[in-house]
PDB file of N, CA and C in Angstrom:
ATOM      1  N   MET A   1     -10.789  -4.754  -2.385  1.00  0.00           N
ATOM      2  CA  MET A   1     -10.362  -4.270  -3.684  1.00  0.00           C
ATOM      3  C   MET A   1     -11.573  -4.229  -4.609  1.00  0.00           C
ATOM      4  N   LEU A   2     -11.752  -3.120  -5.279  1.00  0.00           N
ATOM      5  CA  LEU A   2     -12.850  -2.977  -6.219  1.00  0.00           C
ATOM      6  C   LEU A   2     -12.467  -3.582  -7.566  1.00  0.00           C
ATOM      7  N   PRO A   3     -13.372  -4.279  -8.235  1.00  0.00           N
ATOM      8  CA  PRO A   3     -13.051  -4.838  -9.546  1.00  0.00           C
ATOM      9  C   PRO A   3     -12.629  -3.739 -10.521  1.00  0.00           C
ATOM     10  N   GLY A   4     -11.575  -4.000 -11.261  1.00  0.00           N
ATOM     11  CA  GLY A   4     -11.125  -3.047 -12.261  1.00  0.00           C
ATOM     12  C   GLY A   4     -10.307  -1.899 -11.706  1.00  0.00           C
ATOM     13  N   LYS A   5      -9.953  -1.953 -10.428  1.00  0.00           N
ATOM     14  CA  LYS A   5      -9.156  -0.886  -9.806  1.00  0.00           C
ATOM     15  C   LYS A   5      -8.021  -1.521  -9.004  1.00  0.00           C
ATOM     16  N   PRO A   6      -6.923  -0.780  -8.785  1.00  0.00           N
ATOM     17  CA  PRO A   6      -5.877  -1.293  -7.904  1.00  0.00           C
ATOM     18  C   PRO A   6      -6.386  -1.300  -6.465  1.00  0.00           C
ATOM     19  N   GLY A   7      -5.756  -2.100  -5.625  1.00  0.00           N
ATOM     20  CA  GLY A   7      -6.166  -2.137  -4.226  1.00  0.00           C
ATOM     21  C   GLY A   7      -5.165  -2.870  -3.357  1.00  0.00           C
ATOM     22  N   PHE A   8      -5.308  -2.708  -2.048  1.00  0.00           N
ATOM     23  CA  PHE A   8      -4.480  -3.404  -1.082  1.00  0.00           C
ATOM     24  C   PHE A   8      -5.126  -4.744  -0.756  1.00  0.00           C
ATOM     25  N   THR A   9      -4.310  -5.762  -0.556  1.00  0.00           N
ATOM     26  CA  THR A   9      -4.830  -7.098  -0.277  1.00  0.00           C
ATOM     27  C   THR A   9      -4.471  -7.605   1.115  1.00  0.00           C
ATOM     28  N   ARG A  10      -3.410  -7.056   1.734  1.00  0.00           N
ATOM     29  CA  ARG A  10      -3.004  -7.521   3.060  1.00  0.00           C
ATOM     30  C   ARG A  10      -2.015  -6.540   3.688  1.00  0.00           C
ATOM     31  N   VAL A  11      -1.934  -6.597   5.024  1.00  0.00           N
ATOM     32  CA  VAL A  11      -0.936  -5.841   5.784  1.00  0.00           C
ATOM     33  C   VAL A  11      -0.459  -6.756   6.906  1.00  0.00           C
ATOM     34  N   ASP A  12       0.834  -7.079   6.910  1.00  0.00           N
ATOM     35  CA  ASP A  12       1.381  -8.022   7.874  1.00  0.00           C
ATOM     36  C   ASP A  12       2.568  -7.426   8.619  1.00  0.00           C
ATOM     37  N   LEU A  13       2.660  -7.744   9.909  1.00  0.00           N
ATOM     38  CA  LEU A  13       3.802  -7.373  10.734  1.00  0.00           C
ATOM     39  C   LEU A  13       4.745  -8.564  10.743  1.00  0.00           C
ATOM     40  N   LEU A  14       5.916  -8.411  10.118  1.00  0.00           N
ATOM     41  CA  LEU A  14       6.848  -9.517   9.945  1.00  0.00           C
ATOM     42  C   LEU A  14       8.262  -9.112  10.355  1.00  0.00           C
ATOM     43  N   ASP A  15       8.775  -9.675  11.418  1.00  0.00           N
ATOM     44  CA  ASP A  15      10.190  -9.569  11.795  1.00  0.00           C
ATOM     45  C   ASP A  15      10.833  -8.207  11.480  1.00  0.00           C
ATOM     46  N   GLY A  16      10.335  -7.159  12.095  1.00  0.00           N
ATOM     47  CA  GLY A  16      10.934  -5.843  11.925  1.00  0.00           C
ATOM     48  C   GLY A  16      10.394  -5.026  10.767  1.00  0.00           C
ATOM     49  N   PHE A  17       9.436  -5.560  10.039  1.00  0.00           N
ATOM     50  CA  PHE A  17       8.871  -4.852   8.899  1.00  0.00           C
ATOM     51  C   PHE A  17       7.357  -4.952   8.884  1.00  0.00           C
ATOM     52  N   VAL A  18       6.720  -3.940   8.324  1.00  0.00           N
ATOM     53  CA  VAL A  18       5.308  -4.005   7.975  1.00  0.00           C
ATOM     54  C   VAL A  18       5.289  -4.204   6.467  1.00  0.00           C
ATOM     55  N   GLN A  19       4.654  -5.261   6.021  1.00  0.00           N
ATOM     56  CA  GLN A  19       4.593  -5.569   4.599  1.00  0.00           C
ATOM     57  C   GLN A  19       3.164  -5.374   4.110  1.00  0.00           C
ATOM     58  N   VAL A  20       3.028  -4.538   3.096  1.00  0.00           N
ATOM     59  CA  VAL A  20       1.730  -4.223   2.503  1.00  0.00           C
ATOM     60  C   VAL A  20       1.676  -4.873   1.128  1.00  0.00           C
ATOM     61  N   GLY A  21       0.660  -5.689   0.897  1.00  0.00           N
ATOM     62  CA  GLY A  21       0.486  -6.330  -0.398  1.00  0.00           C
ATOM     63  C   GLY A  21      -0.642  -5.674  -1.164  1.00  0.00           C
ATOM     64  N   GLY A  22      -0.525  -5.688  -2.467  1.00  0.00           N
ATOM     65  CA  GLY A  22      -1.567  -5.109  -3.292  1.00  0.00           C
ATOM     66  C   GLY A  22      -1.620  -5.758  -4.651  1.00  0.00           C
ATOM     67  N   LYS A  23      -2.631  -5.363  -5.401  1.00  0.00           N
ATOM     68  CA  LYS A  23      -2.823  -5.932  -6.732  1.00  0.00           C
ATOM     69  C   LYS A  23      -3.300  -4.833  -7.666  1.00  0.00           C
ATOM     70  N   SER A  24      -2.741  -4.833  -8.852  1.00  0.00           N
ATOM     71  CA  SER A  24      -3.144  -3.900  -9.891  1.00  0.00           C
ATOM     72  C   SER A  24      -3.996  -4.623 -10.919  1.00  0.00           C
ATOM     73  N   VAL A  25      -4.545  -3.877 -11.842  1.00  0.00           N
ATOM     74  CA  VAL A  25      -5.425  -4.439 -12.856  1.00  0.00           C
ATOM     75  C   VAL A  25      -4.590  -5.174 -13.913  1.00  0.00           C
ATOM     76  N   PRO A  26      -4.910  -6.445 -14.181  1.00  0.00           N
ATOM     77  CA  PRO A  26      -4.196  -7.158 -15.243  1.00  0.00           C
ATOM     78  C   PRO A  26      -4.333  -6.415 -16.579  1.00  0.00           C
ATOM     79  N   ASP A  27      -3.318  -6.516 -17.399  1.00  0.00           N
ATOM     80  CA  ASP A  27      -3.282  -5.878 -18.727  1.00  0.00           C
ATOM     81  C   ASP A  27      -3.188  -4.361 -18.665  1.00  0.00           C
ATOM     82  N   GLU A  28      -3.037  -3.789 -17.476  1.00  0.00           N
ATOM     83  CA  GLU A  28      -2.805  -2.342 -17.330  1.00  0.00           C
ATOM     84  C   GLU A  28      -1.647  -2.176 -16.354  1.00  0.00           C
ATOM     85  N   PRO A  29      -0.417  -2.452 -16.808  1.00  0.00           N
ATOM     86  CA  PRO A  29       0.720  -2.480 -15.897  1.00  0.00           C
ATOM     87  C   PRO A  29       0.988  -1.125 -15.243  1.00  0.00           C
ATOM     88  N   PRO A  30       1.242  -1.152 -13.929  1.00  0.00           N
ATOM     89  CA  PRO A  30       1.564   0.095 -13.251  1.00  0.00           C
ATOM     90  C   PRO A  30       2.979   0.559 -13.605  1.00  0.00           C
ATOM     91  N   TYR A  31       3.147   1.860 -13.722  1.00  0.00           N
ATOM     92  CA  TYR A  31       4.465   2.462 -13.919  1.00  0.00           C
ATOM     93  C   TYR A  31       5.067   2.754 -12.551  1.00  0.00           C
ATOM     94  N   GLN A  32       4.282   3.357 -11.680  1.00  0.00           N
ATOM     95  CA  GLN A  32       4.684   3.637 -10.306  1.00  0.00           C
ATOM     96  C   GLN A  32       3.494   3.427  -9.382  1.00  0.00           C
ATOM     97  N   ILE A  33       3.793   3.014  -8.150  1.00  0.00           N
ATOM     98  CA  ILE A  33       2.781   2.969  -7.106  1.00  0.00           C
ATOM     99  C   ILE A  33       3.379   3.633  -5.876  1.00  0.00           C
ATOM    100  N   HIS A  34       2.673   4.608  -5.354  1.00  0.00           N
ATOM    101  CA  HIS A  34       3.078   5.299  -4.129  1.00  0.00           C
ATOM    102  C   HIS A  34       2.197   4.751  -3.010  1.00  0.00           C
ATOM    103  N   VAL A  35       2.813   4.262  -1.934  1.00  0.00           N
ATOM    104  CA  VAL A  35       2.084   3.661  -0.824  1.00  0.00           C
ATOM    105  C   VAL A  35       2.395   4.446   0.448  1.00  0.00           C
ATOM    106  N   THR A  36       1.342   4.830   1.168  1.00  0.00           N
ATOM    107  CA  THR A  36       1.472   5.493   2.464  1.00  0.00           C
ATOM    108  C   THR A  36       0.716   4.664   3.491  1.00  0.00           C
ATOM    109  N   ILE A  37       1.329   4.458   4.663  1.00  0.00           N
ATOM    110  CA  ILE A  37       0.666   3.778   5.770  1.00  0.00           C
ATOM    111  C   ILE A  37       0.659   4.715   6.971  1.00  0.00           C
ATOM    112  N   LEU A  38      -0.492   4.805   7.624  1.00  0.00           N
ATOM    113  CA  LEU A  38      -0.681   5.660   8.798  1.00  0.00           C
ATOM    114  C   LEU A  38      -1.310   4.832   9.906  1.00  0.00           C
ATOM    115  N   GLN A  39      -0.807   5.021  11.148  1.00  0.00           N
ATOM    116  CA  GLN A  39      -1.389   4.300  12.278  1.00  0.00           C
ATOM    117  C   GLN A  39      -1.149   5.074  13.566  1.00  0.00           C
ATOM    118  N   LYS A  40      -2.133   5.025  14.444  1.00  0.00           N
ATOM    119  CA  LYS A  40      -2.026   5.597  15.787  1.00  0.00           C
ATOM    120  C   LYS A  40      -2.147   4.452  16.773  1.00  0.00           C
ATOM    121  N   VAL A  41      -1.028   4.098  17.422  1.00  0.00           N
ATOM    122  CA  VAL A  41      -1.005   3.067  18.450  1.00  0.00           C
ATOM    123  C   VAL A  41      -1.183   3.768  19.793  1.00  0.00           C
ATOM    124  N   ASP A  42      -2.061   3.227  20.647  1.00  0.00           N
ATOM    125  CA  ASP A  42      -2.314   3.841  21.954  1.00  0.00           C
ATOM    126  C   ASP A  42      -1.014   4.127  22.698  1.00  0.00           C
ATOM    127  N   GLY A  43      -0.922   5.349  23.244  1.00  0.00           N
ATOM    128  CA  GLY A  43       0.238   5.746  24.027  1.00  0.00           C
ATOM    129  C   GLY A  43       1.426   6.203  23.206  1.00  0.00           C
ATOM    130  N   GLN A  44       1.302   6.254  21.890  1.00  0.00           N
ATOM    131  CA  GLN A  44       2.401   6.663  21.022  1.00  0.00           C
ATOM    132  C   GLN A  44       1.943   7.777  20.086  1.00  0.00           C
ATOM    133  N   GLU A  45       2.909   8.488  19.553  1.00  0.00           N
ATOM    134  CA  GLU A  45       2.619   9.462  18.510  1.00  0.00           C
ATOM    135  C   GLU A  45       2.187   8.708  17.253  1.00  0.00           C
ATOM    136  N   PRO A  46       1.366   9.308  16.394  1.00  0.00           N
ATOM    137  CA  PRO A  46       1.002   8.639  15.136  1.00  0.00           C
ATOM    138  C   PRO A  46       2.246   8.329  14.301  1.00  0.00           C
ATOM    139  N   SER A  47       2.213   7.222  13.598  1.00  0.00           N
ATOM    140  CA  SER A  47       3.316   6.814  12.733  1.00  0.00           C
ATOM    141  C   SER A  47       2.862   6.863  11.286  1.00  0.00           C
ATOM    142  N   ALA A  48       3.783   7.257  10.422  1.00  0.00           N
ATOM    143  CA  ALA A  48       3.505   7.306   8.985  1.00  0.00           C
ATOM    144  C   ALA A  48       4.762   6.896   8.231  1.00  0.00           C
ATOM    145  N   ALA A  49       4.576   6.224   7.111  1.00  0.00           N
ATOM    146  CA  ALA A  49       5.690   5.850   6.243  1.00  0.00           C
ATOM    147  C   ALA A  49       5.203   5.887   4.801  1.00  0.00           C
ATOM    148  N   VAL A  50       6.128   6.216   3.896  1.00  0.00           N
ATOM    149  CA  VAL A  50       5.794   6.359   2.477  1.00  0.00           C
ATOM    150  C   VAL A  50       6.885   5.682   1.646  1.00  0.00           C
ATOM    151  N   THR A  51       6.488   5.028   0.564  1.00  0.00           N
ATOM    152  CA  THR A  51       7.461   4.475  -0.368  1.00  0.00           C
ATOM    153  C   THR A  51       6.896   4.543  -1.784  1.00  0.00           C
ATOM    154  N   THR A  52       7.789   4.467  -2.752  1.00  0.00           N
ATOM    155  CA  THR A  52       7.403   4.431  -4.165  1.00  0.00           C
ATOM    156  C   THR A  52       7.962   3.157  -4.781  1.00  0.00           C
ATOM    157  N   LEU A  53       7.106   2.426  -5.463  1.00  0.00           N
ATOM    158  CA  LEU A  53       7.506   1.227  -6.193  1.00  0.00           C
ATOM    159  C   LEU A  53       7.625   1.590  -7.666  1.00  0.00           C
ATOM    160  N   GLU A  54       8.762   1.306  -8.256  1.00  0.00           N
ATOM    161  CA  GLU A  54       9.006   1.604  -9.674  1.00  0.00           C
ATOM    162  C   GLU A  54       8.757   0.360 -10.513  1.00  0.00           C
ATOM    163  N   ARG A  55       7.860   0.469 -11.481  1.00  0.00           N
ATOM    164  CA  ARG A  55       7.529  -0.622 -12.411  1.00  0.00           C
ATOM    165  C   ARG A  55       7.281  -1.950 -11.680  1.00  0.00           C
ATOM    166  N   PRO A  56       6.362  -1.959 -10.718  1.00  0.00           N
ATOM    167  CA  PRO A  56       6.095  -3.191  -9.972  1.00  0.00           C
ATOM    168  C   PRO A  56       5.303  -4.197 -10.806  1.00  0.00           C
ATOM    169  N   ALA A  57       5.294  -5.432 -10.337  1.00  0.00           N
ATOM    170  CA  ALA A  57       4.480  -6.481 -10.955  1.00  0.00           C
ATOM    171  C   ALA A  57       3.009  -6.199 -10.658  1.00  0.00           C
ATOM    172  N   ILE A  58       2.108  -6.936 -11.280  1.00  0.00           N
ATOM    173  CA  ILE A  58       0.667  -6.777 -11.041  1.00  0.00           C
ATOM    174  C   ILE A  58       0.342  -7.092  -9.569  1.00  0.00           C
ATOM    175  N   ASP A  59       0.929  -8.173  -9.024  1.00  0.00           N
ATOM    176  CA  ASP A  59       0.845  -8.468  -7.590  1.00  0.00           C
ATOM    177  C   ASP A  59       2.115  -7.899  -6.966  1.00  0.00           C
ATOM    178  N   TRP A  60       1.982  -6.876  -6.146  1.00  0.00           N
ATOM    179  CA  TRP A  60       3.142  -6.183  -5.620  1.00  0.00           C
ATOM    180  C   TRP A  60       3.114  -6.130  -4.097  1.00  0.00           C
ATOM    181  N   GLU A  61       4.259  -5.763  -3.518  1.00  0.00           N
ATOM    182  CA  GLU A  61       4.324  -5.560  -2.078  1.00  0.00           C
ATOM    183  C   GLU A  61       5.307  -4.446  -1.759  1.00  0.00           C
ATOM    184  N   ALA A  62       5.004  -3.744  -0.675  1.00  0.00           N
ATOM    185  CA  ALA A  62       5.855  -2.677  -0.176  1.00  0.00           C
ATOM    186  C   ALA A  62       6.203  -2.997   1.267  1.00  0.00           C
ATOM    187  N   SER A  63       7.447  -2.754   1.663  1.00  0.00           N
ATOM    188  CA  SER A  63       7.885  -3.027   3.029  1.00  0.00           C
ATOM    189  C   SER A  63       8.327  -1.736   3.704  1.00  0.00           C
ATOM    190  N   PHE A  64       7.961  -1.620   4.978  1.00  0.00           N
ATOM    191  CA  PHE A  64       8.303  -0.465   5.796  1.00  0.00           C
ATOM    192  C   PHE A  64       8.917  -0.950   7.103  1.00  0.00           C
ATOM    193  N   PRO A  65       9.894  -0.234   7.679  1.00  0.00           N
ATOM    194  CA  PRO A  65      10.365  -0.586   9.018  1.00  0.00           C
ATOM    195  C   PRO A  65       9.183  -0.537   9.989  1.00  0.00           C
ATOM    196  N   SER A  66       9.131  -1.489  10.918  1.00  0.00           N
ATOM    197  CA  SER A  66       7.971  -1.598  11.809  1.00  0.00           C
ATOM    198  C   SER A  66       8.004  -0.646  13.007  1.00  0.00           C
ATOM    199  N   LYS A  67       9.071   0.099  13.180  1.00  0.00           N
ATOM    200  CA  LYS A  67       9.165   0.999  14.340  1.00  0.00           C
ATOM    201  C   LYS A  67       7.969   1.967  14.351  1.00  0.00           C
ATOM    202  N   GLY A  68       7.228   1.971  15.460  1.00  0.00           N
ATOM    203  CA  GLY A  68       6.069   2.840  15.609  1.00  0.00           C
ATOM    204  C   GLY A  68       4.757   2.218  15.156  1.00  0.00           C
ATOM    205  N   PHE A  69       4.827   1.054  14.491  1.00  0.00           N
ATOM    206  CA  PHE A  69       3.624   0.380  14.022  1.00  0.00           C
ATOM    207  C   PHE A  69       3.375  -0.871  14.868  1.00  0.00           C
ATOM    208  N   GLY A  70       2.124  -1.287  14.974  1.00  0.00           N
ATOM    209  CA  GLY A  70       1.766  -2.487  15.719  1.00  0.00           C
ATOM    210  C   GLY A  70       0.545  -3.131  15.099  1.00  0.00           C
ATOM    211  N   LYS A  71       0.171  -4.271  15.630  1.00  0.00           N
ATOM    212  CA  LYS A  71      -1.022  -4.952  15.127  1.00  0.00           C
ATOM    213  C   LYS A  71      -2.247  -4.104  15.422  1.00  0.00           C
ATOM    214  N   GLY A  72      -3.205  -4.126  14.499  1.00  0.00           N
ATOM    215  CA  GLY A  72      -4.425  -3.350  14.665  1.00  0.00           C
ATOM    216  C   GLY A  72      -4.702  -2.491  13.452  1.00  0.00           C
ATOM    217  N   GLY A  73      -5.695  -1.613  13.587  1.00  0.00           N
ATOM    218  CA  GLY A  73      -6.161  -0.804  12.474  1.00  0.00           C
ATOM    219  C   GLY A  73      -5.139   0.187  11.943  1.00  0.00           C
ATOM    220  N   CYS A  74      -5.172   0.396  10.643  1.00  0.00           N
ATOM    221  CA  CYS A  74      -4.319   1.389   9.996  1.00  0.00           C
ATOM    222  C   CYS A  74      -5.043   1.941   8.769  1.00  0.00           C
ATOM    223  N   VAL A  75      -4.518   3.021   8.249  1.00  0.00           N
ATOM    224  CA  VAL A  75      -5.025   3.624   7.025  1.00  0.00           C
ATOM    225  C   VAL A  75      -3.947   3.463   5.960  1.00  0.00           C
ATOM    226  N   LEU A  76      -4.347   2.990   4.787  1.00  0.00           N
ATOM    227  CA  LEU A  76      -3.437   2.845   3.656  1.00  0.00           C
ATOM    228  C   LEU A  76      -3.915   3.754   2.531  1.00  0.00           C
ATOM    229  N   ILE A  77      -2.965   4.456   1.939  1.00  0.00           N
ATOM    230  CA  ILE A  77      -3.272   5.333   0.803  1.00  0.00           C
ATOM    231  C   ILE A  77      -2.405   4.880  -0.362  1.00  0.00           C
ATOM    232  N   GLY A  78      -3.026   4.644  -1.492  1.00  0.00           N
ATOM    233  CA  GLY A  78      -2.297   4.239  -2.674  1.00  0.00           C
ATOM    234  C   GLY A  78      -2.517   5.215  -3.813  1.00  0.00           C
ATOM    235  N   HIS A  79      -1.493   5.368  -4.614  1.00  0.00           N
ATOM    236  CA  HIS A  79      -1.590   6.196  -5.816  1.00  0.00           C
ATOM    237  C   HIS A  79      -0.845   5.455  -6.916  1.00  0.00           C
ATOM    238  N   GLU A  80      -1.572   5.030  -7.939  1.00  0.00           N
ATOM    239  CA  GLU A  80      -0.969   4.276  -9.034  1.00  0.00           C
ATOM    240  C   GLU A  80      -0.961   5.115 -10.296  1.00  0.00           C
ATOM    241  N   VAL A  81       0.183   5.131 -10.965  1.00  0.00           N
ATOM    242  CA  VAL A  81       0.347   5.841 -12.234  1.00  0.00           C
ATOM    243  C   VAL A  81       0.566   4.794 -13.318  1.00  0.00           C
ATOM    244  N   GLN A  82      -0.185   4.908 -14.398  1.00  0.00           N
ATOM    245  CA  GLN A  82      -0.046   4.008 -15.548  1.00  0.00           C
ATOM    246  C   GLN A  82       0.290   4.853 -16.777  1.00  0.00           C
ATOM    247  N   LEU A  83       1.149   4.289 -17.624  1.00  0.00           N
ATOM    248  CA  LEU A  83       1.483   4.967 -18.884  1.00  0.00           C
ATOM    249  C   LEU A  83       0.822   4.292 -20.073  1.00  0.00           C
ATOM    250  N   GLU A  84       0.495   2.994 -19.928  1.00  0.00           N
ATOM    251  CA  GLU A  84      -0.102   2.233 -21.022  1.00  0.00           C
ATOM    252  C   GLU A  84      -1.355   1.542 -20.525  1.00  0.00           C
ATOM    253  N   PRO A  85      -2.376   1.330 -21.271  1.00  0.00           N
ATOM    254  CA  PRO A  85      -2.496   1.711 -22.675  1.00  0.00           C
ATOM    255  C   PRO A  85      -2.657   3.222 -22.860  1.00  0.00           C
ATOM    256  N   ASN A  86      -3.118   3.934 -21.842  1.00  0.00           N
ATOM    257  CA  ASN A  86      -3.201   5.391 -21.868  1.00  0.00           C
ATOM    258  C   ASN A  86      -2.702   5.900 -20.527  1.00  0.00           C
ATOM    259  N   PHE A  87      -2.223   7.134 -20.495  1.00  0.00           N
ATOM    260  CA  PHE A  87      -1.812   7.707 -19.213  1.00  0.00           C
ATOM    261  C   PHE A  87      -3.033   7.806 -18.302  1.00  0.00           C
ATOM    262  N   SER A  88      -2.892   7.300 -17.087  1.00  0.00           N
ATOM    263  CA  SER A  88      -3.966   7.412 -16.108  1.00  0.00           C
ATOM    264  C   SER A  88      -3.369   7.358 -14.705  1.00  0.00           C
ATOM    265  N   SER A  89      -4.171   7.779 -13.752  1.00  0.00           N
ATOM    266  CA  SER A  89      -3.738   7.828 -12.373  1.00  0.00           C
ATOM    267  C   SER A  89      -4.925   7.494 -11.476  1.00  0.00           C
ATOM    268  N   PHE A  90      -4.694   6.649 -10.463  1.00  0.00           N
ATOM    269  CA  PHE A  90      -5.741   6.266  -9.520  1.00  0.00           C
ATOM    270  C   PHE A  90      -5.229   6.493  -8.104  1.00  0.00           C
ATOM    271  N   THR A  91      -6.058   7.064  -7.260  1.00  0.00           N
ATOM    272  CA  THR A  91      -5.745   7.224  -5.842  1.00  0.00           C
ATOM    273  C   THR A  91      -6.867   6.578  -5.052  1.00  0.00           C
ATOM    274  N   TRP A  92      -6.507   5.835  -3.997  1.00  0.00           N
ATOM    275  CA  TRP A  92      -7.529   5.170  -3.184  1.00  0.00           C
ATOM    276  C   TRP A  92      -7.065   5.110  -1.732  1.00  0.00           C
ATOM    277  N   VAL A  93      -8.035   4.956  -0.843  1.00  0.00           N
ATOM    278  CA  VAL A  93      -7.786   4.830   0.588  1.00  0.00           C
ATOM    279  C   VAL A  93      -8.486   3.573   1.076  1.00  0.00           C
ATOM    280  N   GLN A  94      -7.797   2.783   1.895  1.00  0.00           N
ATOM    281  CA  GLN A  94      -8.403   1.595   2.495  1.00  0.00           C
ATOM    282  C   GLN A  94      -8.048   1.543   3.972  1.00  0.00           C
ATOM    283  N   TYR A  95      -9.002   1.138   4.775  1.00  0.00           N
ATOM    284  CA  TYR A  95      -8.789   0.895   6.197  1.00  0.00           C
ATOM    285  C   TYR A  95      -8.614  -0.610   6.360  1.00  0.00           C
ATOM    286  N   MET A  96      -7.498  -1.031   6.957  1.00  0.00           N
ATOM    287  CA  MET A  96      -7.221  -2.455   7.130  1.00  0.00           C
ATOM    288  C   MET A  96      -6.591  -2.686   8.499  1.00  0.00           C
ATOM    289  N   ASP A  97      -6.488  -3.934   8.893  1.00  0.00           N
ATOM    290  CA  ASP A  97      -5.826  -4.308  10.129  1.00  0.00           C
ATOM    291  C   ASP A  97      -4.459  -4.896   9.815  1.00  0.00           C
ATOM    292  N   ILE A  98      -3.448  -4.423  10.550  1.00  0.00           N
ATOM    293  CA  ILE A  98      -2.128  -5.042  10.485  1.00  0.00           C
ATOM    294  C   ILE A  98      -2.233  -6.331  11.283  1.00  0.00           C
ATOM    295  N   LYS A  99      -1.875  -7.432  10.654  1.00  0.00           N
ATOM    296  CA  LYS A  99      -1.973  -8.743  11.306  1.00  0.00           C
ATOM    297  C   LYS A  99      -0.617  -9.297  11.631  1.00  0.00           C
TER     298      LYS A  99
END
């Protein structure tokens, strides 16, 4: 995570779900966060899932069904929309391992 920007902090495979954790900038509350996870597991078609978090906390998490996902490398794409103190939007990509 880059200082002063939103970012992903973890990706975990938990009992039927992939849970993605992230953090936004304090004092700049997110209005929405769109999270996309992409992964290619050997021998399978690529898997992708998308969700939108409405008015999440500064420390947030998104959960996806784990079907098609496994431990190992993945690509995470985030898009955060803020309304205060000024309208702004941030998009970022991170490569992480599902643990």
